[in-house]
Each structure stands twice: as C-alpha cells, then as structure tokens.
C-alpha cells in the first residue's frame, strides 16, 4: 500500500463537509428523545398519583413542560436543517427523483406537525394548574371547560 492509497482510505472514512448534514438528523433524534422521554412529567409519578385523574396535575412540575418544548423546537430546527441537507445531497448525487423530493417534503411536513405538538406542550402549563399555585389562564377567563376539555355537568335546573 503506497502513500496515496493510505491517504484516500483515511479521507473516505472521515465525514466530508458535504456529508455533515446527516449529523442534523442525529441531533433531531437526540433532542426528540429529550423532549418526549426525558422530560415526560408522567414518568416520575407513582401509580397512585396517576389514578387521581385531573388532580395529578398538582404533582407535575411546570419546568418539565418548558424544557420539553424548548428541546422539541430545537429538534424542529434540526429536522429542517436535515431536510435541506438531504435535498442538496439527493440533487448532487443524480437526477432528482420524485421519491427524493417526497422525502424532503415529508421531513418539512413532519417539522410542521412537530411545531404544533411542541407548541401545545409549551402552552399547556398556562392552561392547566400544573404544579403551581398560579391561577391558570383558562380559569381567569372564566370559561366553562376544564383541563380535560370536557364541559362540566350541571344540574337539571341549569344551576
């Protein structure tokens, strides 16, 4: 093995500048795990607490929702960077096929769905009384819906 062959083998084993876009996908996966599994407020609850119904919200910490939302939005940014890298890579390596275009569009569409999901996750502590003595916005607006989004039952007389 001469010097040029050895140099080409080590160069091929390292990621090139053009292939580093794939690391955005890894970042999106790790941040997605943090946003959904690590900061899941239900994991730290006991079985007895989980059976309390809506009273379980008093045992949930508001910070878990916020950390999960921030990690989720960072995951969205990583997915969008990954989609842009995928599209450039697929266009450089041959004629763009409809399947390659579909992958890029599917990644962008999933990022849109993630924005909706993580946006509601970050907003949830302000709607429901989650682990705080602060009055939720919904109660201050004096609407007739609870945190479970169901209309409370009233007596037959309407009182």
N, C-alpha and C. Protein backbone atom coordinates (compact mmCIF):
# COMPACT_ATOMS: atom_id res chain seq x y z
N UNK A 1 0.84 -1.17 0.00
CA UNK A 1 0.00 0.00 0.00
C UNK A 1 0.89 1.23 0.00
N UNK A 2 0.70 2.08 -0.98
CA UNK A 2 1.54 3.26 -1.03
C UNK A 2 0.85 4.43 -0.32
N UNK A 3 1.49 5.57 -0.32
CA UNK A 3 1.03 6.72 0.45
C UNK A 3 -0.30 7.27 -0.07
N UNK A 4 -0.53 7.26 -1.37
CA UNK A 4 -1.78 7.82 -1.91
C UNK A 4 -2.97 6.94 -1.57
N UNK A 5 -2.78 5.62 -1.57
CA UNK A 5 -3.88 4.72 -1.22
C UNK A 5 -4.25 4.87 0.26
N UNK A 6 -3.21 5.00 1.11
CA UNK A 6 -3.46 5.16 2.54
C UNK A 6 -4.18 6.47 2.82
N UNK A 7 -3.79 7.54 2.13
CA UNK A 7 -4.44 8.84 2.30
C UNK A 7 -5.90 8.78 1.85
N UNK A 8 -6.18 8.10 0.75
CA UNK A 8 -7.55 8.04 0.27
C UNK A 8 -8.43 7.21 1.19
N UNK A 9 -7.88 6.18 1.85
CA UNK A 9 -8.67 5.38 2.79
C UNK A 9 -9.04 6.18 4.03
N UNK A 10 -8.11 6.94 4.57
CA UNK A 10 -8.41 7.73 5.76
C UNK A 10 -9.35 8.88 5.41
N UNK A 11 -9.22 9.42 4.22
CA UNK A 11 -10.10 10.50 3.82
C UNK A 11 -11.52 9.99 3.60
N UNK A 12 -11.68 8.79 3.09
CA UNK A 12 -13.00 8.24 2.84
C UNK A 12 -13.70 7.85 4.15
N UNK A 13 -12.93 7.52 5.19
CA UNK A 13 -13.55 7.11 6.44
C UNK A 13 -14.07 8.30 7.26
N UNK A 14 -13.53 9.49 7.03
CA UNK A 14 -13.99 10.68 7.75
C UNK A 14 -15.15 11.33 7.00
N UNK A 15 -16.11 11.89 7.74
CA UNK A 15 -17.20 12.58 7.04
C UNK A 15 -16.68 13.85 6.38
N UNK A 16 -17.08 14.05 5.16
CA UNK A 16 -16.66 15.25 4.45
C UNK A 16 -17.59 16.39 4.80
N UNK A 17 -17.20 17.56 4.36
CA UNK A 17 -18.03 18.74 4.63
C UNK A 17 -19.41 18.57 3.99
N UNK A 18 -19.48 17.88 2.87
CA UNK A 18 -20.75 17.71 2.17
C UNK A 18 -21.67 16.73 2.88
N UNK A 19 -21.14 15.85 3.70
CA UNK A 19 -21.96 14.84 4.36
C UNK A 19 -22.28 15.17 5.82
N UNK A 20 -21.86 16.29 6.29
CA UNK A 20 -22.13 16.62 7.70
C UNK A 20 -23.58 16.98 7.96
N UNK A 21 -24.37 17.17 6.94
CA UNK A 21 -25.79 17.46 7.11
C UNK A 21 -26.48 16.31 7.84
N UNK A 22 -25.96 15.11 7.71
CA UNK A 22 -26.59 13.95 8.36
C UNK A 22 -26.54 14.05 9.89
N UNK A 23 -25.58 14.78 10.41
CA UNK A 23 -25.50 14.95 11.87
C UNK A 23 -26.69 15.74 12.41
N UNK A 24 -27.33 16.55 11.56
CA UNK A 24 -28.54 17.25 11.99
C UNK A 24 -29.65 16.26 12.29
N UNK A 25 -29.69 15.16 11.57
CA UNK A 25 -30.68 14.12 11.85
C UNK A 25 -30.43 13.45 13.20
N UNK A 26 -29.16 13.24 13.52
CA UNK A 26 -28.82 12.67 14.82
C UNK A 26 -29.22 13.64 15.94
N UNK A 27 -28.92 14.92 15.72
CA UNK A 27 -29.32 15.93 16.71
C UNK A 27 -30.82 15.99 16.90
N UNK A 28 -31.57 15.86 15.80
CA UNK A 28 -33.03 15.86 15.90
C UNK A 28 -33.51 14.66 16.70
N UNK A 29 -32.90 13.50 16.48
CA UNK A 29 -33.29 12.31 17.23
C UNK A 29 -33.00 12.42 18.72
N UNK A 30 -31.82 12.92 19.06
CA UNK A 30 -31.45 13.06 20.47
C UNK A 30 -32.35 14.09 21.16
N UNK A 31 -32.56 15.22 20.49
CA UNK A 31 -33.43 16.24 21.09
C UNK A 31 -34.88 15.76 21.18
N UNK A 32 -35.31 14.93 20.23
CA UNK A 32 -36.65 14.36 20.31
C UNK A 32 -36.80 13.42 21.49
N UNK A 33 -35.75 12.65 21.78
CA UNK A 33 -35.77 11.77 22.96
C UNK A 33 -35.83 12.61 24.23
N UNK A 34 -35.05 13.67 24.28
CA UNK A 34 -35.08 14.54 25.46
C UNK A 34 -36.46 15.18 25.61
N UNK A 35 -37.02 15.66 24.50
CA UNK A 35 -38.30 16.36 24.56
C UNK A 35 -39.46 15.45 24.94
N UNK A 36 -39.39 14.18 24.57
CA UNK A 36 -40.54 13.30 24.79
C UNK A 36 -40.37 12.28 25.90
N UNK A 37 -39.17 11.80 26.12
CA UNK A 37 -38.97 10.76 27.12
C UNK A 37 -38.35 11.27 28.40
N UNK A 38 -37.32 12.08 28.28
CA UNK A 38 -36.61 12.55 29.47
C UNK A 38 -37.46 13.54 30.26
N UNK A 39 -38.14 14.43 29.57
CA UNK A 39 -38.92 15.46 30.27
C UNK A 39 -40.39 15.08 30.41
N UNK A 40 -40.73 13.84 30.19
CA UNK A 40 -42.12 13.41 30.34
C UNK A 40 -42.51 13.51 31.81
N UNK A 41 -43.49 14.34 32.13
CA UNK A 41 -43.84 14.54 33.54
C UNK A 41 -44.54 13.34 34.17
N UNK A 42 -45.06 12.44 33.39
CA UNK A 42 -45.81 11.30 33.91
C UNK A 42 -44.87 10.22 34.44
N UNK A 43 -43.66 10.16 33.94
CA UNK A 43 -42.73 9.10 34.34
C UNK A 43 -42.42 9.14 35.83
N UNK A 44 -42.29 10.33 36.39
CA UNK A 44 -41.89 10.45 37.79
C UNK A 44 -43.05 10.22 38.76
N UNK A 45 -44.25 10.03 38.26
CA UNK A 45 -45.40 9.86 39.14
C UNK A 45 -45.57 8.40 39.55
N UNK A 46 -46.11 8.20 40.74
CA UNK A 46 -46.42 6.84 41.21
C UNK A 46 -47.74 6.40 40.60
N UNK A 47 -48.05 5.12 40.72
CA UNK A 47 -49.31 4.60 40.21
C UNK A 47 -50.50 5.23 40.92
N UNK A 48 -50.37 5.45 42.23
CA UNK A 48 -51.46 6.06 42.99
C UNK A 48 -51.71 7.49 42.50
N UNK A 49 -50.66 8.23 42.21
CA UNK A 49 -50.82 9.59 41.70
C UNK A 49 -51.45 9.60 40.32
N UNK A 50 -51.09 8.63 39.49
CA UNK A 50 -51.64 8.57 38.13
C UNK A 50 -53.14 8.29 38.14
N UNK A 51 -53.63 7.61 39.18
CA UNK A 51 -55.05 7.29 39.27
C UNK A 51 -55.89 8.42 39.84
N UNK A 52 -55.32 9.56 40.13
CA UNK A 52 -56.04 10.65 40.75
C UNK A 52 -56.84 11.49 39.75
N UNK A 53 -56.75 11.19 38.49
CA UNK A 53 -57.49 11.96 37.49
C UNK A 53 -56.83 13.31 37.26
N UNK A 54 -57.64 14.35 37.18
CA UNK A 54 -57.09 15.68 36.90
C UNK A 54 -56.32 16.25 38.08
N UNK A 55 -56.48 15.66 39.27
CA UNK A 55 -55.71 16.12 40.43
C UNK A 55 -54.23 15.80 40.29
N UNK A 56 -53.89 14.93 39.36
CA UNK A 56 -52.49 14.59 39.14
C UNK A 56 -51.69 15.80 38.67
N UNK A 57 -52.36 16.80 38.11
CA UNK A 57 -51.66 17.98 37.62
C UNK A 57 -50.97 18.75 38.74
N UNK A 58 -51.41 18.57 39.98
CA UNK A 58 -50.76 19.21 41.11
C UNK A 58 -49.39 18.61 41.42
N UNK A 59 -49.13 17.40 40.93
CA UNK A 59 -47.85 16.73 41.17
C UNK A 59 -46.86 16.90 40.02
N UNK A 60 -47.28 17.51 38.96
CA UNK A 60 -46.44 17.66 37.77
C UNK A 60 -45.74 19.01 37.83
N UNK A 61 -44.47 19.03 37.47
CA UNK A 61 -43.69 20.26 37.51
C UNK A 61 -43.76 20.99 36.17
N UNK A 62 -43.97 22.26 36.24
CA UNK A 62 -44.08 23.12 35.07
C UNK A 62 -42.79 23.12 34.24
N UNK A 63 -41.65 23.02 34.88
CA UNK A 63 -40.37 23.08 34.18
C UNK A 63 -40.21 21.94 33.18
N UNK A 64 -40.74 20.77 33.48
CA UNK A 64 -40.64 19.66 32.53
C UNK A 64 -41.33 19.98 31.21
N UNK A 65 -42.46 20.64 31.28
CA UNK A 65 -43.16 21.03 30.05
C UNK A 65 -42.33 22.02 29.25
N UNK A 66 -41.74 22.98 29.94
CA UNK A 66 -40.98 24.01 29.24
C UNK A 66 -39.69 23.45 28.64
N UNK A 67 -38.99 22.64 29.40
CA UNK A 67 -37.75 22.04 28.88
C UNK A 67 -38.08 21.15 27.68
N UNK A 68 -39.16 20.40 27.78
CA UNK A 68 -39.57 19.55 26.66
C UNK A 68 -39.93 20.37 25.43
N UNK A 69 -40.60 21.49 25.62
CA UNK A 69 -40.97 22.34 24.49
C UNK A 69 -39.75 22.96 23.83
N UNK A 70 -38.80 23.43 24.62
CA UNK A 70 -37.58 24.03 24.06
C UNK A 70 -36.77 22.97 23.31
N UNK A 71 -36.60 21.80 23.91
CA UNK A 71 -35.88 20.73 23.23
C UNK A 71 -36.61 20.32 21.95
N UNK A 72 -37.94 20.33 22.00
CA UNK A 72 -38.72 19.99 20.82
C UNK A 72 -38.54 20.99 19.70
N UNK A 73 -38.53 22.28 20.03
CA UNK A 73 -38.33 23.29 18.99
C UNK A 73 -36.92 23.24 18.42
N UNK A 74 -35.94 22.90 19.25
CA UNK A 74 -34.59 22.70 18.73
C UNK A 74 -34.54 21.48 17.81
N UNK A 75 -35.32 20.45 18.14
CA UNK A 75 -35.41 19.28 17.26
C UNK A 75 -36.04 19.65 15.93
N UNK A 76 -37.02 20.55 15.94
CA UNK A 76 -37.63 21.02 14.70
C UNK A 76 -36.59 21.70 13.82
N UNK A 77 -35.78 22.55 14.42
CA UNK A 77 -34.72 23.23 13.66
C UNK A 77 -33.76 22.22 13.06
N UNK A 78 -33.42 21.19 13.83
CA UNK A 78 -32.52 20.15 13.33
C UNK A 78 -33.15 19.37 12.18
N UNK A 79 -34.44 19.08 12.28
CA UNK A 79 -35.13 18.37 11.19
C UNK A 79 -35.13 19.22 9.93
N UNK A 80 -35.36 20.51 10.05
CA UNK A 80 -35.35 21.38 8.88
C UNK A 80 -33.96 21.47 8.25
N UNK A 81 -32.92 21.55 9.08
CA UNK A 81 -31.55 21.54 8.55
C UNK A 81 -31.24 20.20 7.88
N UNK A 82 -31.71 19.12 8.47
CA UNK A 82 -31.53 17.80 7.89
C UNK A 82 -32.26 17.70 6.54
N UNK A 83 -33.46 18.25 6.46
CA UNK A 83 -34.22 18.22 5.20
C UNK A 83 -33.50 19.01 4.11
N UNK A 84 -32.94 20.15 4.47
CA UNK A 84 -32.20 20.94 3.48
C UNK A 84 -30.95 20.20 3.01
N UNK A 85 -30.25 19.58 3.94
CA UNK A 85 -29.07 18.79 3.57
C UNK A 85 -29.44 17.59 2.72
N UNK A 86 -30.53 16.92 3.05
CA UNK A 86 -30.99 15.78 2.26
C UNK A 86 -31.29 16.20 0.83
N UNK A 87 -31.98 17.32 0.70
CA UNK A 87 -32.35 17.77 -0.64
C UNK A 87 -31.12 18.10 -1.47
N UNK A 88 -30.16 18.81 -0.88
CA UNK A 88 -28.93 19.14 -1.61
C UNK A 88 -28.17 17.88 -1.97
N UNK A 89 -28.07 16.96 -1.03
CA UNK A 89 -27.33 15.72 -1.28
C UNK A 89 -28.00 14.90 -2.38
N UNK A 90 -29.32 14.77 -2.36
CA UNK A 90 -30.02 13.97 -3.35
C UNK A 90 -29.94 14.61 -4.73
N UNK A 91 -29.90 15.93 -4.80
CA UNK A 91 -29.77 16.59 -6.10
C UNK A 91 -28.36 16.50 -6.66
N UNK A 92 -27.36 16.46 -5.77
CA UNK A 92 -25.98 16.31 -6.22
C UNK A 92 -25.67 14.91 -6.72
N UNK A 93 -26.31 13.92 -6.16
CA UNK A 93 -25.99 12.52 -6.47
C UNK A 93 -27.00 11.91 -7.43
N UNK A 94 -27.22 12.56 -8.52
CA UNK A 94 -28.08 12.00 -9.54
C UNK A 94 -29.26 12.90 -9.82
N UNK A 95 -30.02 12.48 -10.82
CA UNK A 95 -31.21 13.24 -11.19
C UNK A 95 -32.22 13.19 -10.05
N UNK A 96 -32.81 14.32 -9.70
CA UNK A 96 -33.79 14.30 -8.61
C UNK A 96 -35.03 13.49 -9.01
N UNK A 97 -35.32 12.51 -8.23
CA UNK A 97 -36.48 11.68 -8.48
C UNK A 97 -37.63 12.17 -7.60
N UNK A 98 -38.80 11.71 -7.92
CA UNK A 98 -39.94 12.13 -7.11
C UNK A 98 -39.85 11.57 -5.69
N UNK A 99 -39.22 10.40 -5.54
CA UNK A 99 -39.06 9.83 -4.20
C UNK A 99 -38.14 10.69 -3.34
N UNK A 100 -37.05 11.18 -3.92
CA UNK A 100 -36.12 12.03 -3.17
C UNK A 100 -36.79 13.35 -2.80
N UNK A 101 -37.58 13.90 -3.71
CA UNK A 101 -38.30 15.13 -3.40
C UNK A 101 -39.36 14.88 -2.32
N UNK A 102 -39.99 13.71 -2.39
CA UNK A 102 -41.01 13.37 -1.40
C UNK A 102 -40.41 13.27 0.00
N UNK A 103 -39.21 12.72 0.12
CA UNK A 103 -38.56 12.62 1.43
C UNK A 103 -38.33 14.02 2.01
N UNK A 104 -37.85 14.94 1.20
CA UNK A 104 -37.61 16.30 1.68
C UNK A 104 -38.93 16.96 2.10
N UNK A 105 -39.97 16.78 1.31
CA UNK A 105 -41.26 17.37 1.67
C UNK A 105 -41.85 16.72 2.91
N UNK A 106 -41.66 15.42 3.05
CA UNK A 106 -42.17 14.72 4.24
C UNK A 106 -41.45 15.20 5.50
N UNK A 107 -40.16 15.46 5.40
CA UNK A 107 -39.42 15.98 6.55
C UNK A 107 -39.93 17.37 6.95
N UNK A 108 -40.19 18.21 5.96
CA UNK A 108 -40.70 19.55 6.25
C UNK A 108 -42.11 19.45 6.85
N UNK A 109 -42.94 18.56 6.31
CA UNK A 109 -44.29 18.38 6.86
C UNK A 109 -44.24 17.86 8.29
N UNK A 110 -43.33 16.94 8.57
CA UNK A 110 -43.23 16.44 9.95
C UNK A 110 -42.72 17.53 10.88
N UNK A 111 -41.86 18.41 10.39
CA UNK A 111 -41.43 19.55 11.21
C UNK A 111 -42.60 20.45 11.54
N UNK A 112 -43.51 20.63 10.59
CA UNK A 112 -44.71 21.42 10.85
C UNK A 112 -45.58 20.79 11.92
N UNK A 113 -45.74 19.47 11.86
CA UNK A 113 -46.52 18.78 12.89
C UNK A 113 -45.83 18.86 14.24
N UNK A 114 -44.50 18.81 14.24
CA UNK A 114 -43.76 18.92 15.50
C UNK A 114 -43.95 20.31 16.12
N UNK A 115 -44.02 21.34 15.28
CA UNK A 115 -44.24 22.69 15.80
C UNK A 115 -45.58 22.77 16.52
N UNK A 116 -46.60 22.16 15.93
CA UNK A 116 -47.92 22.16 16.58
C UNK A 116 -47.87 21.40 17.91
N UNK A 117 -47.23 20.24 17.91
CA UNK A 117 -47.17 19.43 19.12
C UNK A 117 -46.36 20.07 20.23
N UNK A 118 -45.18 20.57 19.91
CA UNK A 118 -44.35 21.17 20.94
C UNK A 118 -44.87 22.54 21.35
N UNK A 119 -45.58 23.22 20.46
CA UNK A 119 -46.20 24.49 20.82
C UNK A 119 -47.30 24.28 21.85
N UNK A 120 -48.08 23.22 21.66
CA UNK A 120 -49.13 22.95 22.64
C UNK A 120 -48.53 22.44 23.94
N UNK A 121 -47.43 21.73 23.86
CA UNK A 121 -46.78 21.25 25.08
C UNK A 121 -46.24 22.42 25.91
N UNK A 122 -45.67 23.40 25.24
CA UNK A 122 -45.16 24.56 25.96
C UNK A 122 -46.25 25.44 26.51
N UNK A 123 -47.42 25.39 25.89
CA UNK A 123 -48.53 26.23 26.31
C UNK A 123 -49.39 25.56 27.39
N UNK A 124 -49.31 24.27 27.50
CA UNK A 124 -50.16 23.51 28.42
C UNK A 124 -50.06 23.97 29.88
N UNK A 125 -48.88 24.27 30.41
CA UNK A 125 -48.82 24.71 31.82
C UNK A 125 -49.58 26.00 32.08
N UNK A 126 -49.80 26.80 31.07
CA UNK A 126 -50.53 28.05 31.27
C UNK A 126 -52.04 27.85 31.18
N UNK A 127 -52.46 26.74 30.61
CA UNK A 127 -53.89 26.45 30.51
C UNK A 127 -54.38 25.74 31.77
N UNK A 128 -53.60 24.78 32.23
CA UNK A 128 -54.00 23.98 33.39
C UNK A 128 -53.16 24.34 34.61
N UNK A 129 -53.69 24.12 35.80
CA UNK A 129 -52.93 24.42 37.02
C UNK A 129 -51.89 23.34 37.27
N UNK A 130 -50.75 23.43 36.62
CA UNK A 130 -49.72 22.41 36.70
C UNK A 130 -48.71 22.77 37.77
N UNK A 131 -48.71 22.04 38.86
CA UNK A 131 -47.68 22.15 39.89
C UNK A 131 -47.39 23.55 40.38
N UNK A 132 -48.34 24.41 40.41
CA UNK A 132 -48.11 25.77 40.83
C UNK A 132 -49.38 26.32 41.47
N UNK A 133 -49.22 27.33 42.29
CA UNK A 133 -50.39 27.95 42.90
C UNK A 133 -50.97 29.03 42.00
N UNK A 134 -50.31 29.29 40.90
CA UNK A 134 -50.76 30.32 39.98
C UNK A 134 -52.07 29.90 39.32
N UNK A 135 -53.00 30.82 39.20
CA UNK A 135 -54.29 30.53 38.59
C UNK A 135 -54.10 30.40 37.08
N UNK A 136 -54.60 29.33 36.48
CA UNK A 136 -54.42 29.17 35.04
C UNK A 136 -55.23 30.21 34.26
N UNK A 137 -54.78 30.50 33.05
CA UNK A 137 -55.43 31.48 32.20
C UNK A 137 -56.89 31.11 31.97
N UNK A 138 -57.14 29.86 31.75
CA UNK A 138 -58.50 29.42 31.43
C UNK A 138 -59.44 29.71 32.60
N UNK A 139 -58.98 29.54 33.84
CA UNK A 139 -59.84 29.83 34.99
C UNK A 139 -60.07 31.33 35.13
N UNK A 140 -59.06 32.13 34.81
CA UNK A 140 -59.21 33.57 34.91
C UNK A 140 -60.19 34.08 33.86
N UNK A 141 -60.22 33.43 32.71
CA UNK A 141 -61.15 33.85 31.66
C UNK A 141 -62.55 33.35 31.96
N UNK A 142 -62.70 32.58 33.01
CA UNK A 142 -63.96 32.01 33.49
C UNK A 142 -64.76 31.34 32.37
N UNK A 143 -64.09 30.46 31.65
CA UNK A 143 -64.78 29.65 30.67
C UNK A 143 -65.35 28.43 31.37
N UNK A 144 -66.13 27.66 30.68
CA UNK A 144 -66.80 26.51 31.27
C UNK A 144 -66.16 25.20 30.86
N UNK A 145 -64.88 25.20 30.58
CA UNK A 145 -64.19 23.97 30.21
C UNK A 145 -63.11 23.67 31.24
N UNK A 146 -62.93 22.41 31.52
CA UNK A 146 -61.86 22.02 32.42
C UNK A 146 -60.63 21.69 31.59
N UNK A 147 -59.54 21.28 32.24
CA UNK A 147 -58.32 20.95 31.52
C UNK A 147 -58.46 19.72 30.65
N UNK A 148 -59.46 18.90 30.91
CA UNK A 148 -59.66 17.73 30.07
C UNK A 148 -60.50 18.07 28.85
N UNK A 149 -60.81 19.35 28.68
CA UNK A 149 -61.56 19.84 27.53
C UNK A 149 -62.97 19.28 27.46
N UNK A 150 -63.56 18.94 28.58
CA UNK A 150 -64.94 18.47 28.59
C UNK A 150 -65.80 19.47 29.33
N UNK A 151 -67.02 19.59 28.92
CA UNK A 151 -67.94 20.51 29.57
C UNK A 151 -68.40 19.92 30.88
N UNK A 152 -68.31 20.67 31.99
CA UNK A 152 -68.74 20.13 33.28
C UNK A 152 -70.24 19.90 33.29
N UNK A 153 -70.66 18.93 34.06
CA UNK A 153 -72.08 18.60 34.17
C UNK A 153 -72.79 19.61 35.07
N UNK A 154 -73.98 19.93 34.70
CA UNK A 154 -74.79 20.84 35.51
C UNK A 154 -76.03 20.11 35.97
N UNK A 155 -76.67 20.66 36.95
CA UNK A 155 -77.90 20.04 37.46
C UNK A 155 -79.03 20.27 36.46
N UNK A 156 -80.09 19.48 36.54
CA UNK A 156 -81.19 19.62 35.57
C UNK A 156 -81.80 21.01 35.54
N UNK A 157 -81.76 21.74 36.63
CA UNK A 157 -82.33 23.08 36.67
C UNK A 157 -81.43 24.12 36.03
N UNK A 158 -80.25 23.73 35.59
CA UNK A 158 -79.32 24.66 34.94
C UNK A 158 -78.43 25.39 35.91
N UNK A 159 -78.53 25.11 37.20
CA UNK A 159 -77.73 25.82 38.20
C UNK A 159 -76.40 25.15 38.40
